Amino acid sequence: MKAALRIILLGLAVFILAALPAHALDKAKDEGSDTLSAIVKVKARILPNARSAETLGTAREGNGVLIRDNLVLTIGYLVIEAEGIEVVSSDGRAVPATLAGYDHSTGFGLLRLVTPIEGKPLPLGDPSELTERDPVMVAAYGGREGVSLAYVVSRRPFSGSWEYLLDSAIYTYPPVMNWSGAALIGPKGDLLGIGSLIVADAMSPGTQSPGNLFVPVDILKPILNELVEKGRAGPKRPWLGMSTEELRGRLFVSRVSPDGPAARAGLQRGDILVGVGSEDVSSLADFYRKIWARGSAGVEVPLRILQGTQLKEVGVRSIDRIEYFRARPAL
């Protein structure tokens, strides 16, 4: 069965990639000043005591996309808690940048360049027009060598264990290894998504179909101006500080953030989440929506958990996740 699925995937890849309009590929790959000049390398030096250092390290590198003359869009986990950020342009010039904005709800990070770079900003496209089997390009830093051909294999919700939810993520195949912050580009040469993850089940849940997950830029458009002006956007959602995994219809706590709200309330790795208040929870998405429906950051979230053999009711005083991260010391 697994071998048959691999054969089907390979066949679909050949068919779809062969169908990608030749003129669109030539334009995207040959006219570097119009498309690939917008793709940059992002290098971040993270604070030694960063909360995210344990899981993401203190030296991070990925990609970004120039979307305005002085603004680069990337995936937020590359640059959160950074004490120094460097952007390398398509012509190899390195310039410093600052974190202009971070949005946990979408996962986007926005960088402001200290000095301008060569490159034509990519326009934000309309990912809602993407459907399964649509051909796309994945562009990572490196000019033509950084370009990979792919196709969309599904559009569906994504629930991340770290209190993260996308209503309609973009899944592509075949997998690209340099995915972090990479640009998903459509045949029109516009930006449709930013690379976030490599996944094992791109086609559908439970399948063995490795691919990549991209965050669609249509969820950036409504918040972009606020993100630029204020450094953040939207409501302050309650955050509990724990990672949760779905397994056989149950939700298991897989990690508790040190000194976070869940840890202070006594939750532990291995606990089983049963409900929020009087309402049962059946999935990560259901769990998150019930938490966020309780109010803004700071609200107490009543959880029902199974800890060992004991069913407990625990109140967790939520916080704004930004408050948990370490801030760069003022100069």
C-alpha atoms as a PDB file:
ATOM      1  CA  MET A   1       0.000   0.000   0.000  1.00  0.00           C
ATOM      2  CA  LYS A   2       2.814   2.409   0.884  1.00  0.00           C
ATOM      3  CA  ALA A   3       4.685   1.599  -2.322  1.00  0.00           C
ATOM      4  CA  ALA A   4       1.535   2.158  -4.360  1.00  0.00           C
ATOM      5  CA  LEU A   5       0.999   5.567  -2.732  1.00  0.00           C
ATOM      6  CA  ARG A   6       4.567   6.586  -3.542  1.00  0.00           C
ATOM      7  CA  ILE A   7       4.059   5.593  -7.190  1.00  0.00           C
ATOM      8  CA  ILE A   8       0.840   7.613  -7.350  1.00  0.00           C
ATOM      9  CA  LEU A   9       2.552  10.645  -5.814  1.00  0.00           C
ATOM     10  CA  LEU A  10       5.452  10.418  -8.241  1.00  0.00           C
ATOM     11  CA  GLY A  11       3.081  10.139 -11.167  1.00  0.00           C
ATOM     12  CA  LEU A  12       1.093  13.139 -10.035  1.00  0.00           C
ATOM     13  CA  ALA A  13       4.271  15.165  -9.551  1.00  0.00           C
ATOM     14  CA  VAL A  14       5.464  14.446 -13.083  1.00  0.00           C
ATOM     15  CA  PHE A  15       2.051  15.282 -14.526  1.00  0.00           C
ATOM     16  CA  ILE A  16       1.568  18.512 -12.601  1.00  0.00           C
ATOM     17  CA  LEU A  17       5.080  19.856 -12.957  1.00  0.00           C
ATOM     18  CA  ALA A  18       5.022  19.149 -16.667  1.00  0.00           C
ATOM     19  CA  ALA A  19       1.823  21.181 -16.860  1.00  0.00           C
ATOM     20  CA  LEU A  20       3.381  24.253 -15.267  1.00  0.00           C
ATOM     21  CA  PRO A  21       3.391  26.970 -17.937  1.00  0.00           C
ATOM     22  CA  ALA A  22       6.873  27.176 -19.445  1.00  0.00           C
ATOM     23  CA  HIS A  23       6.724  30.944 -19.836  1.00  0.00           C
ATOM     24  CA  ALA A  24       5.879  31.373 -16.148  1.00  0.00           C
ATOM     25  CA  LEU A  25       8.854  29.263 -15.076  1.00  0.00           C
ATOM     26  CA  ASP A  26      11.214  31.034 -17.462  1.00  0.00           C
ATOM     27  CA  LYS A  27      10.018  34.424 -16.259  1.00  0.00           C
ATOM     28  CA  ALA A  28      10.375  33.506 -12.586  1.00  0.00           C
ATOM     29  CA  LYS A  29      13.761  31.841 -12.914  1.00  0.00           C
ATOM     30  CA  ASP A  30      15.398  34.069 -15.525  1.00  0.00           C
ATOM     31  CA  GLU A  31      14.148  37.534 -14.588  1.00  0.00           C
ATOM     32  CA  GLY A  32      15.948  37.583 -11.253  1.00  0.00           C
ATOM     33  CA  SER A  33      15.509  41.330 -10.815  1.00  0.00           C
ATOM     34  CA  ASP A  34      11.735  40.904 -10.969  1.00  0.00           C
ATOM     35  CA  THR A  35      11.240  37.809  -8.835  1.00  0.00           C
ATOM     36  CA  LEU A  36      14.242  36.128  -7.265  1.00  0.00           C
ATOM     37  CA  SER A  37      15.863  39.408  -6.206  1.00  0.00           C
ATOM     38  CA  ALA A  38      13.171  39.611  -3.518  1.00  0.00           C
ATOM     39  CA  ILE A  39      14.354  36.385  -1.859  1.00  0.00           C
ATOM     40  CA  VAL A  40      16.820  36.999   0.978  1.00  0.00           C
ATOM     41  CA  LYS A  41      18.647  35.020   3.618  1.00  0.00           C
ATOM     42  CA  VAL A  42      17.733  35.691   7.251  1.00  0.00           C
ATOM     43  CA  LYS A  43      20.265  35.056  10.019  1.00  0.00           C
ATOM     44  CA  ALA A  44      19.358  35.600  13.654  1.00  0.00           C
ATOM     45  CA  ARG A  45      21.473  35.555  16.808  1.00  0.00           C
ATOM     46  CA  ILE A  46      19.199  34.699  19.714  1.00  0.00           C
ATOM     47  CA  LEU A  47      19.470  35.907  23.302  1.00  0.00           C
ATOM     48  CA  PRO A  48      21.420  33.355  25.407  1.00  0.00           C
ATOM     49  CA  ASN A  49      18.602  33.175  27.955  1.00  0.00           C
ATOM     50  CA  ALA A  50      15.809  33.066  25.367  1.00  0.00           C
ATOM     51  CA  ARG A  51      12.750  31.029  26.288  1.00  0.00           C
ATOM     52  CA  SER A  52      12.724  29.563  22.770  1.00  0.00           C
ATOM     53  CA  ALA A  53      16.405  28.555  22.826  1.00  0.00           C
ATOM     54  CA  GLU A  54      15.677  25.074  24.185  1.00  0.00           C
ATOM     55  CA  THR A  55      13.545  24.086  21.195  1.00  0.00           C
ATOM     56  CA  LEU A  56      14.831  26.380  18.422  1.00  0.00           C
ATOM     57  CA  GLY A  57      18.463  27.058  19.348  1.00  0.00           C
ATOM     58  CA  THR A  58      20.364  30.342  19.572  1.00  0.00           C
ATOM     59  CA  ALA A  59      21.625  30.543  15.968  1.00  0.00           C
ATOM     60  CA  ARG A  60      18.873  30.434  13.363  1.00  0.00           C
ATOM     61  CA  GLU A  61      18.991  30.758   9.603  1.00  0.00           C
ATOM     62  CA  GLY A  62      16.326  30.691   6.939  1.00  0.00           C
ATOM     63  CA  ASN A  63      14.738  32.790   4.243  1.00  0.00           C
ATOM     64  CA  GLY A  64      12.675  35.923   3.854  1.00  0.00           C
ATOM     65  CA  VAL A  65      10.879  37.883   1.141  1.00  0.00           C
ATOM     66  CA  LEU A  66      11.137  41.581   0.399  1.00  0.00           C
ATOM     67  CA  ILE A  67       7.531  42.857   0.324  1.00  0.00           C
ATOM     68  CA  ARG A  68       8.218  46.587   0.629  1.00  0.00           C
ATOM     69  CA  ASP A  69      11.360  48.618   0.039  1.00  0.00           C
ATOM     70  CA  ASN A  70      12.463  48.273   3.666  1.00  0.00           C
ATOM     71  CA  LEU A  71      10.359  45.332   4.901  1.00  0.00           C
ATOM     72  CA  VAL A  72      11.084  41.613   4.787  1.00  0.00           C
ATOM     73  CA  LEU A  73       8.468  38.975   5.563  1.00  0.00           C
ATOM     74  CA  THR A  74       9.621  35.732   7.142  1.00  0.00           C
ATOM     75  CA  ILE A  75       8.413  33.016   9.486  1.00  0.00           C
ATOM     76  CA  GLY A  76       8.381  34.286  13.048  1.00  0.00           C
ATOM     77  CA  TYR A  77      10.175  31.456  14.830  1.00  0.00           C
ATOM     78  CA  LEU A  78      13.412  32.372  13.037  1.00  0.00           C
ATOM     79  CA  VAL A  79      13.620  35.789  14.668  1.00  0.00           C
ATOM     80  CA  ILE A  80      11.673  35.751  17.920  1.00  0.00           C
ATOM     81  CA  GLU A  81      13.879  36.685  20.915  1.00  0.00           C
ATOM     82  CA  ALA A  82      16.702  37.771  18.611  1.00  0.00           C
ATOM     83  CA  GLU A  83      19.422  40.092  19.885  1.00  0.00           C
ATOM     84  CA  GLY A  84      20.760  40.580  16.350  1.00  0.00           C
ATOM     85  CA  ILE A  85      19.329  39.994  12.864  1.00  0.00           C
ATOM     86  CA  GLU A  86      21.120  40.075   9.519  1.00  0.00           C
ATOM     87  CA  VAL A  87      19.556  39.970   6.066  1.00  0.00           C
ATOM     88  CA  VAL A  88      21.616  38.914   3.046  1.00  0.00           C
ATOM     89  CA  SER A  89      20.314  40.246  -0.274  1.00  0.00           C
ATOM     90  CA  SER A  90      20.217  38.315  -3.548  1.00  0.00           C
ATOM     91  CA  ASP A  91      23.507  39.951  -4.606  1.00  0.00           C
ATOM     92  CA  GLY A  92      25.234  38.803  -1.403  1.00  0.00           C
ATOM     93  CA  ARG A  93      25.180  42.059   0.530  1.00  0.00           C
ATOM     94  CA  ALA A  94      24.588  41.666   4.292  1.00  0.00           C
ATOM     95  CA  VAL A  95      22.676  44.396   6.136  1.00  0.00           C
ATOM     96  CA  PRO A  96      21.362  44.566   9.711  1.00  0.00           C
ATOM     97  CA  ALA A  97      17.645  44.427  10.411  1.00  0.00           C
ATOM     98  CA  THR A  98      15.325  44.814  13.364  1.00  0.00           C
ATOM     99  CA  LEU A  99      12.196  42.922  14.311  1.00  0.00           C
ATOM    100  CA  ALA A 100       9.423  45.227  13.146  1.00  0.00           C
ATOM    101  CA  GLY A 101       6.570  42.927  14.095  1.00  0.00           C
ATOM    102  CA  TYR A 102       5.619  39.443  15.231  1.00  0.00           C
ATOM    103  CA  ASP A 103       2.199  37.847  15.130  1.00  0.00           C
ATOM    104  CA  HIS A 104       1.750  34.576  16.978  1.00  0.00           C
ATOM    105  CA  SER A 105      -1.726  33.958  15.555  1.00  0.00           C
ATOM    106  CA  THR A 106      -0.435  33.738  11.982  1.00  0.00           C
ATOM    107  CA  GLY A 107       3.189  32.895  12.692  1.00  0.00           C
ATOM    108  CA  PHE A 108       4.580  35.746  10.585  1.00  0.00           C
ATOM    109  CA  GLY A 109       7.630  37.805  11.451  1.00  0.00           C
ATOM    110  CA  LEU A 110       8.306  41.183   9.869  1.00  0.00           C
ATOM    111  CA  LEU A 111      11.806  42.670   9.607  1.00  0.00           C
ATOM    112  CA  ARG A 112      12.766  46.283   8.986  1.00  0.00           C
ATOM    113  CA  LEU A 113      16.009  46.800   7.081  1.00  0.00           C
ATOM    114  CA  VAL A 114      18.406  49.337   8.570  1.00  0.00           C
ATOM    115  CA  THR A 115      19.687  50.203   5.083  1.00  0.00           C
ATOM    116  CA  PRO A 116      18.058  49.497   1.684  1.00  0.00           C
ATOM    117  CA  ILE A 117      19.024  46.528  -0.469  1.00  0.00           C
ATOM    118  CA  GLU A 118      18.790  45.781  -4.159  1.00  0.00           C
ATOM    119  CA  GLY A 119      15.638  43.885  -5.016  1.00  0.00           C
ATOM    120  CA  LYS A 120      12.138  44.335  -6.290  1.00  0.00           C
ATOM    121  CA  PRO A 121       9.461  43.651  -3.643  1.00  0.00           C
ATOM    122  CA  LEU A 122       7.112  40.790  -4.402  1.00  0.00           C
ATOM    123  CA  PRO A 123       3.404  41.680  -4.473  1.00  0.00           C
ATOM    124  CA  LEU A 124       1.088  39.771  -2.155  1.00  0.00           C
ATOM    125  CA  GLY A 125      -1.127  37.460  -4.192  1.00  0.00           C
ATOM    126  CA  ASP A 126      -4.426  35.724  -3.495  1.00  0.00           C
ATOM    127  CA  PRO A 127      -3.823  32.209  -2.098  1.00  0.00           C
ATOM    128  CA  SER A 128      -7.587  31.600  -1.903  1.00  0.00           C
ATOM    129  CA  GLU A 129      -7.453  30.916  -5.634  1.00  0.00           C
ATOM    130  CA  LEU A 130      -5.097  27.957  -5.094  1.00  0.00           C
ATOM    131  CA  THR A 131      -6.639  24.522  -5.469  1.00  0.00           C
ATOM    132  CA  GLU A 132      -5.272  21.000  -5.312  1.00  0.00           C
ATOM    133  CA  ARG A 133      -2.862  20.130  -8.144  1.00  0.00           C
ATOM    134  CA  ASP A 134      -2.091  23.770  -8.895  1.00  0.00           C
ATOM    135  CA  PRO A 135       1.595  24.177  -9.833  1.00  0.00           C
ATOM    136  CA  VAL A 136       3.720  26.553  -7.757  1.00  0.00           C
ATOM    137  CA  MET A 137       7.334  27.522  -7.165  1.00  0.00           C
ATOM    138  CA  VAL A 138       9.175  27.381  -3.872  1.00  0.00           C
ATOM    139  CA  ALA A 139      11.974  29.958  -3.758  1.00  0.00           C
ATOM    140  CA  ALA A 140      14.657  29.847  -1.078  1.00  0.00           C
ATOM    141  CA  TYR A 141      17.798  31.975  -0.981  1.00  0.00           C
ATOM    142  CA  GLY A 142      20.336  31.130  -3.666  1.00  0.00           C
ATOM    143  CA  GLY A 143      19.026  32.473  -6.955  1.00  0.00           C
ATOM    144  CA  ARG A 144      18.092  29.879  -9.564  1.00  0.00           C
ATOM    145  CA  GLU A 145      19.645  27.126  -7.435  1.00  0.00           C
ATOM    146  CA  GLY A 146      17.213  27.945  -4.648  1.00  0.00           C
ATOM    147  CA  VAL A 147      14.123  27.424  -6.821  1.00  0.00           C
ATOM    148  CA  SER A 148      12.110  24.197  -6.604  1.00  0.00           C
ATOM    149  CA  LEU A 149       8.980  23.191  -8.479  1.00  0.00           C
ATOM    150  CA  ALA A 150       6.050  21.809  -6.536  1.00  0.00           C
ATOM    151  CA  TYR A 151       2.297  21.535  -6.563  1.00  0.00           C
ATOM    152  CA  VAL A 152      -0.468  22.046  -4.061  1.00  0.00           C
ATOM    153  CA  VAL A 153      -1.757  18.751  -2.680  1.00  0.00           C
ATOM    154  CA  SER A 154      -4.231  20.024  -0.090  1.00  0.00           C
ATOM    155  CA  ARG A 155      -5.761  23.082   1.549  1.00  0.00           C
ATOM    156  CA  ARG A 156      -6.905  22.269   5.056  1.00  0.00           C
ATOM    157  CA  PRO A 157      -6.673  23.424   8.672  1.00  0.00           C
ATOM    158  CA  PHE A 158      -3.501  22.900  10.642  1.00  0.00           C
ATOM    159  CA  SER A 159      -3.263  22.554  14.404  1.00  0.00           C
ATOM    160  CA  GLY A 160       0.174  23.014  15.913  1.00  0.00           C
ATOM    161  CA  SER A 161       0.950  21.560  19.325  1.00  0.00           C
ATOM    162  CA  TRP A 162       2.208  24.993  20.488  1.00  0.00           C
ATOM    163  CA  GLU A 163      -1.258  26.632  20.726  1.00  0.00           C
ATOM    164  CA  TYR A 164      -1.315  27.496  17.018  1.00  0.00           C
ATOM    165  CA  LEU A 165      -4.106  27.099  14.498  1.00  0.00           C
ATOM    166  CA  LEU A 166      -4.466  27.885  10.793  1.00  0.00           C
ATOM    167  CA  ASP A 167      -7.884  27.618   9.174  1.00  0.00           C
ATOM    168  CA  SER A 168      -6.523  26.898   5.694  1.00  0.00           C
ATOM    169  CA  ALA A 169      -2.845  26.051   5.402  1.00  0.00           C
ATOM    170  CA  ILE A 170      -1.218  25.329   2.040  1.00  0.00           C
ATOM    171  CA  TYR A 171       0.386  21.893   1.677  1.00  0.00           C
ATOM    172  CA  THR A 172       2.798  21.197  -1.186  1.00  0.00           C
ATOM    173  CA  TYR A 173       4.659  18.221  -2.656  1.00  0.00           C
ATOM    174  CA  PRO A 174       7.462  17.192  -3.164  1.00  0.00           C
ATOM    175  CA  PRO A 175       9.199  18.333   0.023  1.00  0.00           C
ATOM    176  CA  VAL A 176      11.781  21.118  -0.017  1.00  0.00           C
ATOM    177  CA  MET A 177      14.516  20.980   2.599  1.00  0.00           C
ATOM    178  CA  ASN A 178      15.220  24.747   2.887  1.00  0.00           C
ATOM    179  CA  TRP A 179      11.641  25.602   3.793  1.00  0.00           C
ATOM    180  CA  SER A 180      11.880  28.072   6.704  1.00  0.00           C
ATOM    181  CA  GLY A 181      10.708  31.461   5.441  1.00  0.00           C
ATOM    182  CA  ALA A 182      10.819  30.327   1.790  1.00  0.00           C
ATOM    183  CA  ALA A 183       8.495  32.006  -0.704  1.00  0.00           C
ATOM    184  CA  LEU A 184       5.596  30.195  -2.314  1.00  0.00           C
ATOM    185  CA  ILE A 185       5.205  31.872  -5.699  1.00  0.00           C
ATOM    186  CA  GLY A 186       2.343  31.502  -8.152  1.00  0.00           C
ATOM    187  CA  PRO A 187       2.453  31.573 -11.974  1.00  0.00           C
ATOM    188  CA  LYS A 188       1.816  35.352 -11.893  1.00  0.00           C
ATOM    189  CA  GLY A 189       5.031  35.890  -9.945  1.00  0.00           C
ATOM    190  CA  ASP A 190       3.227  36.957  -6.772  1.00  0.00           C
ATOM    191  CA  LEU A 191       3.776  35.785  -3.210  1.00  0.00           C
ATOM    192  CA  LEU A 192       1.195  33.274  -1.986  1.00  0.00           C
ATOM    193  CA  GLY A 193       2.703  31.881   1.200  1.00  0.00           C
ATOM    194  CA  ILE A 194       5.684  31.672   3.553  1.00  0.00           C
ATOM    195  CA  GLY A 195       7.306  28.345   4.393  1.00  0.00           C
ATOM    196  CA  SER A 196       6.813  27.106   7.921  1.00  0.00           C
ATOM    197  CA  LEU A 197       7.224  23.336   8.255  1.00  0.00           C
ATOM    198  CA  ILE A 198       8.080  20.032   6.689  1.00  0.00           C
ATOM    199  CA  VAL A 199       5.259  17.557   7.271  1.00  0.00           C
ATOM    200  CA  ALA A 200       4.808  13.817   6.862  1.00  0.00           C
ATOM    201  CA  ASP A 201       1.199  13.890   5.650  1.00  0.00           C
ATOM    202  CA  ALA A 202       0.897  16.661   3.065  1.00  0.00           C
ATOM    203  CA  MET A 203      -1.839  15.014   1.000  1.00  0.00           C
ATOM    204  CA  SER A 204      -4.170  14.236   3.887  1.00  0.00           C
ATOM    205  CA  PRO A 205      -3.986  13.307   7.586  1.00  0.00           C
ATOM    206  CA  GLY A 206      -2.546   9.865   8.185  1.00  0.00           C
ATOM    207  CA  THR A 207      -0.990   9.432   4.735  1.00  0.00           C
ATOM    208  CA  GLN A 208       2.726   8.939   4.222  1.00  0.00           C
ATOM    209  CA  SER A 209       3.221  11.858   1.860  1.00  0.00           C
ATOM    210  CA  PRO A 210       6.068  14.145   2.955  1.00  0.00           C
ATOM    211  CA  GLY A 211       5.760  17.772   1.907  1.00  0.00           C
ATOM    212  CA  ASN A 212       5.783  21.331   3.172  1.00  0.00           C
ATOM    213  CA  LEU A 213       3.321  23.588   4.936  1.00  0.00           C
ATOM    214  CA  PHE A 214       3.048  27.244   3.919  1.00  0.00           C
ATOM    215  CA  VAL A 215       1.259  30.017   5.787  1.00  0.00           C
ATOM    216  CA  PRO A 216      -1.003  31.818   3.269  1.00  0.00           C
ATOM    217  CA  VAL A 217      -0.432  35.557   2.889  1.00  0.00           C
ATOM    218  CA  ASP A 218      -4.125  36.398   2.682  1.00  0.00           C
ATOM    219  CA  ILE A 219      -4.212  36.265   6.499  1.00  0.00           C
ATOM    220  CA  LEU A 220      -1.393  38.814   6.566  1.00  0.00           C
ATOM    221  CA  LYS A 221      -3.136  41.434   4.438  1.00  0.00           C
ATOM    222  CA  PRO A 222      -5.745  42.551   7.032  1.00  0.00           C
ATOM    223  CA  ILE A 223      -3.119  42.985   9.768  1.00  0.00           C
ATOM    224  CA  LEU A 224      -0.059  44.183   7.821  1.00  0.00           C
ATOM    225  CA  ASN A 225      -0.453  47.910   8.437  1.00  0.00           C
ATOM    226  CA  GLU A 226      -1.110  47.407  12.142  1.00  0.00           C
ATOM    227  CA  LEU A 227       1.861  45.057  12.362  1.00  0.00           C
ATOM    228  CA  VAL A 228       4.086  47.687  10.759  1.00  0.00           C
ATOM    229  CA  GLU A 229       2.804  50.504  12.969  1.00  0.00           C
ATOM    230  CA  LYS A 230       2.543  48.737  16.328  1.00  0.00           C
ATOM    231  CA  GLY A 231       4.746  45.652  16.066  1.00  0.00           C
ATOM    232  CA  ARG A 232       1.784  43.352  16.663  1.00  0.00           C
ATOM    233  CA  ALA A 233      -1.807  43.019  15.538  1.00  0.00           C
ATOM    234  CA  GLY A 234      -5.210  41.760  16.550  1.00  0.00           C
ATOM    235  CA  PRO A 235      -6.549  40.728  19.974  1.00  0.00           C
ATOM    236  CA  LYS A 236      -4.314  39.397  22.730  1.00  0.00           C
ATOM    237  CA  ARG A 237      -5.307  35.760  22.894  1.00  0.00           C
ATOM    238  CA  PRO A 238      -4.970  33.820  26.139  1.00  0.00           C
ATOM    239  CA  TRP A 239      -1.890  31.597  26.127  1.00  0.00           C
ATOM    240  CA  LEU A 240      -1.363  28.714  28.549  1.00  0.00           C
ATOM    241  CA  GLY A 241       2.214  27.688  27.790  1.00  0.00           C
ATOM    242  CA  MET A 242       1.976  24.025  26.979  1.00  0.00           C
ATOM    243  CA  SER A 243       2.334  21.719  24.002  1.00  0.00           C
ATOM    244  CA  THR A 244      -0.418  19.214  23.356  1.00  0.00           C
ATOM    245  CA  GLU A 245      -0.571  16.214  21.019  1.00  0.00           C
ATOM    246  CA  GLU A 246      -3.558  14.327  19.630  1.00  0.00           C
ATOM    247  CA  LEU A 247      -3.280  10.547  19.990  1.00  0.00           C
ATOM    248  CA  ARG A 248      -6.093   8.052  19.503  1.00  0.00           C
ATOM    249  CA  GLY A 249      -8.785  10.588  20.186  1.00  0.00           C
ATOM    250  CA  ARG A 250      -7.165  11.998  23.298  1.00  0.00           C
ATOM    251  CA  LEU A 251      -5.147  15.138  23.989  1.00  0.00           C
ATOM    252  CA  PHE A 252      -1.898  14.561  25.849  1.00  0.00           C
ATOM    253  CA  VAL A 253       0.287  17.282  27.335  1.00  0.00           C
ATOM    254  CA  SER A 254       3.707  16.682  25.742  1.00  0.00           C
ATOM    255  CA  ARG A 255       5.550  19.697  27.154  1.00  0.00           C
ATOM    256  CA  VAL A 256       4.979  22.448  29.694  1.00  0.00           C
ATOM    257  CA  SER A 257       6.829  25.746  29.201  1.00  0.00           C
ATOM    258  CA  PRO A 258       9.054  26.427  32.236  1.00  0.00           C
ATOM    259  CA  ASP A 259       7.558  29.119  34.488  1.00  0.00           C
ATOM    260  CA  GLY A 260       4.596  29.467  32.117  1.00  0.00           C
ATOM    261  CA  PRO A 261       0.930  29.598  33.175  1.00  0.00           C
ATOM    262  CA  ALA A 262       0.335  25.843  32.846  1.00  0.00           C
ATOM    263  CA  ALA A 263       3.481  25.008  34.807  1.00  0.00           C
ATOM    264  CA  ARG A 264       2.494  27.403  37.598  1.00  0.00           C
ATOM    265  CA  ALA A 265      -0.937  25.774  37.737  1.00  0.00           C
ATOM    266  CA  GLY A 266       0.602  22.333  38.227  1.00  0.00           C
ATOM    267  CA  LEU A 267       0.107  20.742  34.813  1.00  0.00           C
ATOM    268  CA  GLN A 268       2.653  18.107  33.870  1.00  0.00           C
ATOM    269  CA  ARG A 269       3.833  16.206  30.848  1.00  0.00           C
ATOM    270  CA  GLY A 270       1.609  13.168  30.337  1.00  0.00           C
ATOM    271  CA  ASP A 271      -1.564  14.785  31.648  1.00  0.00           C
ATOM    272  CA  ILE A 272      -4.652  14.138  29.553  1.00  0.00           C
ATOM    273  CA  LEU A 273      -6.901  17.099  28.711  1.00  0.00           C
ATOM    274  CA  VAL A 274     -10.555  16.257  29.143  1.00  0.00           C
ATOM    275  CA  GLY A 275     -12.337  19.584  28.819  1.00  0.00           C
ATOM    276  CA  VAL A 276     -12.471  23.350  29.170  1.00  0.00           C
ATOM    277  CA  GLY A 277     -14.968  24.257  31.859  1.00  0.00           C
ATOM    278  CA  SER A 278     -17.986  22.000  31.479  1.00  0.00           C
ATOM    279  CA  GLU A 279     -17.295  21.392  27.775  1.00  0.00           C
ATOM    280  CA  ASP A 280     -15.422  18.333  26.566  1.00  0.00           C
ATOM    281  CA  VAL A 281     -12.639  18.731  24.000  1.00  0.00           C
ATOM    282  CA  SER A 282     -12.179  16.372  21.073  1.00  0.00           C
ATOM    283  CA  SER A 283      -9.293  17.828  19.054  1.00  0.00           C
ATOM    284  CA  LEU A 284      -6.548  20.420  19.221  1.00  0.00           C
ATOM    285  CA  ALA A 285      -8.574  22.849  17.117  1.00  0.00           C
ATOM    286  CA  ASP A 286     -11.569  22.375  19.396  1.00  0.00           C
ATOM    287  CA  PHE A 287      -9.369  22.866  22.466  1.00  0.00           C
ATOM    288  CA  TYR A 288      -7.805  26.094  21.177  1.00  0.00           C
ATOM    289  CA  ARG A 289     -11.102  27.612  20.104  1.00  0.00           C
ATOM    290  CA  LYS A 290     -12.606  26.917  23.512  1.00  0.00           C
ATOM    291  CA  ILE A 291      -9.618  28.572  25.216  1.00  0.00           C
ATOM    292  CA  TRP A 292      -9.728  31.652  23.000  1.00  0.00           C
ATOM    293  CA  ALA A 293     -13.477  31.948  23.442  1.00  0.00           C
ATOM    294  CA  ARG A 294     -12.991  32.547  27.182  1.00  0.00           C
ATOM    295  CA  GLY A 295     -11.743  36.100  26.582  1.00  0.00           C
ATOM    296  CA  SER A 296      -8.489  38.023  26.221  1.00  0.00           C
ATOM    297  CA  ALA A 297      -5.076  37.229  27.648  1.00  0.00           C
ATOM    298  CA  GLY A 298      -5.216  37.316  31.438  1.00  0.00           C
ATOM    299  CA  VAL A 299      -8.471  35.398  31.724  1.00  0.00           C
ATOM    300  CA  GLU A 300      -8.495  32.282  33.887  1.00  0.00           C
ATOM    301  CA  VAL A 301      -9.095  29.141  31.834  1.00  0.00           C
ATOM    302  CA  PRO A 302     -10.741  26.270  33.754  1.00  0.00           C
ATOM    303  CA  LEU A 303      -9.352  22.931  32.604  1.00  0.00           C
ATOM    304  CA  ARG A 304     -10.422  19.407  33.403  1.00  0.00           C
ATOM    305  CA  ILE A 305      -7.455  17.049  33.278  1.00  0.00           C
ATOM    306  CA  LEU A 306      -6.680  13.445  34.016  1.00  0.00           C
ATOM    307  CA  GLN A 307      -3.440  13.368  36.017  1.00  0.00           C
ATOM    308  CA  GLY A 308      -2.486   9.786  36.624  1.00  0.00           C
ATOM    309  CA  THR A 309      -5.752   8.221  37.804  1.00  0.00           C
ATOM    310  CA  GLN A 310      -7.183  11.434  39.226  1.00  0.00           C
ATOM    311  CA  LEU A 311      -9.610  13.707  37.420  1.00  0.00           C
ATOM    312  CA  LYS A 312      -8.796  17.281  38.429  1.00  0.00           C
ATOM    313  CA  GLU A 313     -10.205  20.725  37.786  1.00  0.00           C
ATOM    314  CA  VAL A 314      -7.418  23.264  37.378  1.00  0.00           C
ATOM    315  CA  GLY A 315      -7.678  26.994  36.783  1.00  0.00           C
ATOM    316  CA  VAL A 316      -4.878  28.348  34.580  1.00  0.00           C
ATOM    317  CA  ARG A 317      -4.339  32.118  34.594  1.00  0.00           C
ATOM    318  CA  SER A 318      -3.470  32.846  30.954  1.00  0.00           C
ATOM    319  CA  ILE A 319      -1.045  35.467  29.701  1.00  0.00           C
ATOM    320  CA  ASP A 320      -0.197  37.210  26.448  1.00  0.00           C
ATOM    321  CA  ARG A 321       2.446  35.021  24.818  1.00  0.00           C
ATOM    322  CA  ILE A 322       4.606  38.024  23.952  1.00  0.00           C
ATOM    323  CA  GLU A 323       5.048  38.627  27.685  1.00  0.00           C
ATOM    324  CA  TYR A 324       6.708  35.225  28.030  1.00  0.00           C
ATOM    325  CA  PHE A 325       9.485  35.913  25.534  1.00  0.00           C
ATOM    326  CA  ARG A 326      12.726  37.596  26.595  1.00  0.00           C
ATOM    327  CA  ALA A 327      13.128  41.160  25.357  1.00  0.00           C
ATOM    328  CA  ARG A 328      16.362  42.462  23.897  1.00  0.00           C
ATOM    329  CA  PRO A 329      18.005  44.683  26.537  1.00  0.00           C
ATOM    330  CA  ALA A 330      17.656  48.402  25.843  1.00  0.00           C
ATOM    331  CA  LEU A 331      20.861  50.069  24.706  1.00  0.00           C
END
